[in-house]
Amino acid sequence: RRQLLCRTLAGNACEWLAISNWSDAQLRRPLRLERMFERRGSGSPKRAVVLSARVHPGETNASYIMQGLLRALTAANDIAHELREEYVFVVVPMLNLDGVAHGNYRCSLAGRDLNRLWDSP
């Protein structure tokens, strides 16, 4: 499932993905954080795995890693199915869209290193 996280300074859509095995009822409802960890039936909530890439635009290899990871998590095999049954994967494939689009190596469109701004973005 795919949803808008925010708009960047340049107006690009920064999206996030939620990957899991969803029940039919969950698929019919809008994706909401407080409900996305529910298991089918009963039991303890699913645990989250949060993944992101491309904080630094120059780390192009991260896009290939993320592409392979997304293919593996969405594959139609037993391992991927088991992972999706146990976890909700929250993925931001590209955090620094503006920096990538404008060819920056380390900084955002505002000239800031996003890896140093976790406390006050």
C-alpha atoms as a PDB file:
ATOM      1  CA  ARG A   1       0.000   0.000   0.000  1.00  0.00           C
ATOM      2  CA  ARG A   2       1.304   3.420  -0.916  1.00  0.00           C
ATOM      3  CA  GLN A   3       0.608   6.778   0.648  1.00  0.00           C
ATOM      4  CA  LEU A   4       1.868  10.360   0.612  1.00  0.00           C
ATOM      5  CA  LEU A   5       4.242  11.118   3.473  1.00  0.00           C
ATOM      6  CA  CYS A   6       4.824  14.783   2.604  1.00  0.00           C
ATOM      7  CA  ARG A   7       5.624  17.255  -0.141  1.00  0.00           C
ATOM      8  CA  THR A   8       9.245  18.295  -0.524  1.00  0.00           C
ATOM      9  CA  LEU A   9      10.506  21.877  -0.848  1.00  0.00           C
ATOM     10  CA  ALA A  10      10.307  21.495  -4.635  1.00  0.00           C
ATOM     11  CA  GLY A  11       6.770  20.099  -4.405  1.00  0.00           C
ATOM     12  CA  ASN A  12       7.689  16.477  -5.134  1.00  0.00           C
ATOM     13  CA  ALA A  13       5.561  13.764  -3.551  1.00  0.00           C
ATOM     14  CA  CYS A  14       7.583  11.844  -0.953  1.00  0.00           C
ATOM     15  CA  GLU A  15       5.701   8.579  -0.542  1.00  0.00           C
ATOM     16  CA  TRP A  16       5.910   5.742   1.919  1.00  0.00           C
ATOM     17  CA  LEU A  17       4.899   2.135   1.497  1.00  0.00           C
ATOM     18  CA  ALA A  18       3.366  -0.321   3.931  1.00  0.00           C
ATOM     19  CA  ILE A  19       3.971  -3.966   3.016  1.00  0.00           C
ATOM     20  CA  SER A  20       2.284  -6.828   4.842  1.00  0.00           C
ATOM     21  CA  ASN A  21      -0.355  -9.502   4.328  1.00  0.00           C
ATOM     22  CA  TRP A  22      -3.547  -7.513   4.742  1.00  0.00           C
ATOM     23  CA  SER A  23      -6.987  -8.915   5.452  1.00  0.00           C
ATOM     24  CA  ASP A  24      -9.788  -8.096   3.010  1.00  0.00           C
ATOM     25  CA  ALA A  25     -11.258  -5.706   5.594  1.00  0.00           C
ATOM     26  CA  GLN A  26      -7.931  -3.890   5.973  1.00  0.00           C
ATOM     27  CA  LEU A  27      -7.634  -3.520   2.204  1.00  0.00           C
ATOM     28  CA  ARG A  28     -11.062  -1.888   1.988  1.00  0.00           C
ATOM     29  CA  ARG A  29     -10.205   0.741   4.646  1.00  0.00           C
ATOM     30  CA  PRO A  30      -7.879   3.693   4.150  1.00  0.00           C
ATOM     31  CA  LEU A  31      -4.387   3.027   5.487  1.00  0.00           C
ATOM     32  CA  ARG A  32      -4.197   4.362   9.043  1.00  0.00           C
ATOM     33  CA  LEU A  33      -1.214   4.016  11.335  1.00  0.00           C
ATOM     34  CA  GLU A  34      -3.231   2.934  14.369  1.00  0.00           C
ATOM     35  CA  ARG A  35      -4.817   0.040  12.456  1.00  0.00           C
ATOM     36  CA  MET A  36      -2.082  -1.215  10.187  1.00  0.00           C
ATOM     37  CA  PHE A  37      -0.499  -3.530  12.781  1.00  0.00           C
ATOM     38  CA  GLU A  38      -3.662  -5.580  13.401  1.00  0.00           C
ATOM     39  CA  ARG A  39      -3.409  -9.309  12.772  1.00  0.00           C
ATOM     40  CA  ARG A  40      -6.107 -11.271  11.017  1.00  0.00           C
ATOM     41  CA  GLY A  41      -8.296 -12.754  13.692  1.00  0.00           C
ATOM     42  CA  SER A  42      -6.709 -12.098  17.061  1.00  0.00           C
ATOM     43  CA  GLY A  43      -3.357 -12.137  18.750  1.00  0.00           C
ATOM     44  CA  SER A  44      -0.638  -9.650  19.427  1.00  0.00           C
ATOM     45  CA  PRO A  45      -0.101  -6.832  16.922  1.00  0.00           C
ATOM     46  CA  LYS A  46       2.406  -7.260  14.137  1.00  0.00           C
ATOM     47  CA  ARG A  47       5.820  -5.702  14.702  1.00  0.00           C
ATOM     48  CA  ALA A  48       7.139  -2.963  12.434  1.00  0.00           C
ATOM     49  CA  VAL A  49      10.306  -2.875  10.378  1.00  0.00           C
ATOM     50  CA  VAL A  50      11.114   0.651   9.162  1.00  0.00           C
ATOM     51  CA  LEU A  51      13.395   1.028   6.133  1.00  0.00           C
ATOM     52  CA  SER A  52      14.528   4.107   4.216  1.00  0.00           C
ATOM     53  CA  ALA A  53      17.043   4.962   1.525  1.00  0.00           C
ATOM     54  CA  ARG A  54      18.621   7.882  -0.313  1.00  0.00           C
ATOM     55  CA  VAL A  55      19.077  10.309   2.588  1.00  0.00           C
ATOM     56  CA  HIS A  56      22.258  11.271   0.746  1.00  0.00           C
ATOM     57  CA  PRO A  57      21.505  11.628  -2.982  1.00  0.00           C
ATOM     58  CA  GLY A  58      24.937  10.357  -4.000  1.00  0.00           C
ATOM     59  CA  GLU A  59      24.295   6.933  -2.505  1.00  0.00           C
ATOM     60  CA  THR A  60      22.893   5.560  -5.750  1.00  0.00           C
ATOM     61  CA  ASN A  61      23.573   1.964  -4.748  1.00  0.00           C
ATOM     62  CA  ALA A  62      20.839   2.362  -2.103  1.00  0.00           C
ATOM     63  CA  SER A  63      18.223   2.536  -4.874  1.00  0.00           C
ATOM     64  CA  TYR A  64      19.321  -0.856  -6.193  1.00  0.00           C
ATOM     65  CA  ILE A  65      19.266  -2.338  -2.692  1.00  0.00           C
ATOM     66  CA  MET A  66      15.783  -0.906  -2.078  1.00  0.00           C
ATOM     67  CA  GLN A  67      14.523  -2.223  -5.418  1.00  0.00           C
ATOM     68  CA  GLY A  68      15.770  -5.723  -4.576  1.00  0.00           C
ATOM     69  CA  LEU A  69      14.306  -5.526  -1.091  1.00  0.00           C
ATOM     70  CA  LEU A  70      10.885  -4.465  -2.410  1.00  0.00           C
ATOM     71  CA  ARG A  71      10.921  -7.293  -4.949  1.00  0.00           C
ATOM     72  CA  ALA A  72      11.833  -9.794  -2.228  1.00  0.00           C
ATOM     73  CA  LEU A  73       9.141  -8.577   0.198  1.00  0.00           C
ATOM     74  CA  THR A  74       6.399  -8.614  -2.435  1.00  0.00           C
ATOM     75  CA  ALA A  75       7.394 -11.935  -4.008  1.00  0.00           C
ATOM     76  CA  ALA A  76       4.974 -14.840  -4.241  1.00  0.00           C
ATOM     77  CA  ASN A  77       7.043 -17.314  -2.237  1.00  0.00           C
ATOM     78  CA  ASP A  78       6.827 -18.876   1.235  1.00  0.00           C
ATOM     79  CA  ILE A  79       9.564 -16.767   2.823  1.00  0.00           C
ATOM     80  CA  ALA A  80       8.043 -13.473   1.692  1.00  0.00           C
ATOM     81  CA  HIS A  81       4.597 -14.661   2.778  1.00  0.00           C
ATOM     82  CA  GLU A  82       5.861 -15.563   6.272  1.00  0.00           C
ATOM     83  CA  LEU A  83       7.623 -12.202   6.635  1.00  0.00           C
ATOM     84  CA  ARG A  84       4.448 -10.331   5.639  1.00  0.00           C
ATOM     85  CA  GLU A  85       2.391 -12.406   8.109  1.00  0.00           C
ATOM     86  CA  GLU A  86       4.660 -11.444  11.016  1.00  0.00           C
ATOM     87  CA  TYR A  87       5.669  -7.869  10.185  1.00  0.00           C
ATOM     88  CA  VAL A  88       4.510  -4.629   8.662  1.00  0.00           C
ATOM     89  CA  PHE A  89       7.320  -3.158   6.586  1.00  0.00           C
ATOM     90  CA  VAL A  90       7.152   0.637   6.562  1.00  0.00           C
ATOM     91  CA  VAL A  91       9.341   1.825   3.693  1.00  0.00           C
ATOM     92  CA  VAL A  92      10.417   5.254   2.466  1.00  0.00           C
ATOM     93  CA  PRO A  93      12.300   4.349  -0.725  1.00  0.00           C
ATOM     94  CA  MET A  94      13.777   7.823  -1.285  1.00  0.00           C
ATOM     95  CA  LEU A  95      13.934  10.360   1.548  1.00  0.00           C
ATOM     96  CA  ASN A  96      15.782  13.130  -0.269  1.00  0.00           C
ATOM     97  CA  LEU A  97      13.891  13.374  -3.556  1.00  0.00           C
ATOM     98  CA  ASP A  98      14.898  16.982  -4.201  1.00  0.00           C
ATOM     99  CA  GLY A  99      18.585  16.300  -3.670  1.00  0.00           C
ATOM    100  CA  VAL A 100      18.436  13.344  -6.060  1.00  0.00           C
ATOM    101  CA  ALA A 101      16.438  15.249  -8.698  1.00  0.00           C
ATOM    102  CA  HIS A 102      18.832  18.213  -8.596  1.00  0.00           C
ATOM    103  CA  GLY A 103      22.011  16.144  -8.646  1.00  0.00           C
ATOM    104  CA  ASN A 104      23.251  17.001  -5.166  1.00  0.00           C
ATOM    105  CA  TYR A 105      25.710  14.611  -3.600  1.00  0.00           C
ATOM    106  CA  ARG A 106      25.001  14.944   0.112  1.00  0.00           C
ATOM    107  CA  CYS A 107      22.513  17.772   0.708  1.00  0.00           C
ATOM    108  CA  SER A 108      18.853  18.582   0.262  1.00  0.00           C
ATOM    109  CA  LEU A 109      17.521  21.339  -1.961  1.00  0.00           C
ATOM    110  CA  ALA A 110      18.041  23.712   0.985  1.00  0.00           C
ATOM    111  CA  GLY A 111      21.725  22.758   1.176  1.00  0.00           C
ATOM    112  CA  ARG A 112      21.306  20.791   4.427  1.00  0.00           C
ATOM    113  CA  ASP A 113      22.615  17.328   5.258  1.00  0.00           C
ATOM    114  CA  LEU A 114      19.410  15.516   6.265  1.00  0.00           C
ATOM    115  CA  ASN A 115      21.412  12.916   8.156  1.00  0.00           C
ATOM    116  CA  ARG A 116      22.301  15.635  10.677  1.00  0.00           C
ATOM    117  CA  LEU A 117      18.758  16.957  11.192  1.00  0.00           C
ATOM    118  CA  TRP A 118      16.959  14.111  12.972  1.00  0.00           C
ATOM    119  CA  ASP A 119      16.167  16.166  16.076  1.00  0.00           C
ATOM    120  CA  SER A 120      14.796  19.207  14.276  1.00  0.00           C
ATOM    121  CA  PRO A 121      14.087  18.672  10.581  1.00  0.00           C
END
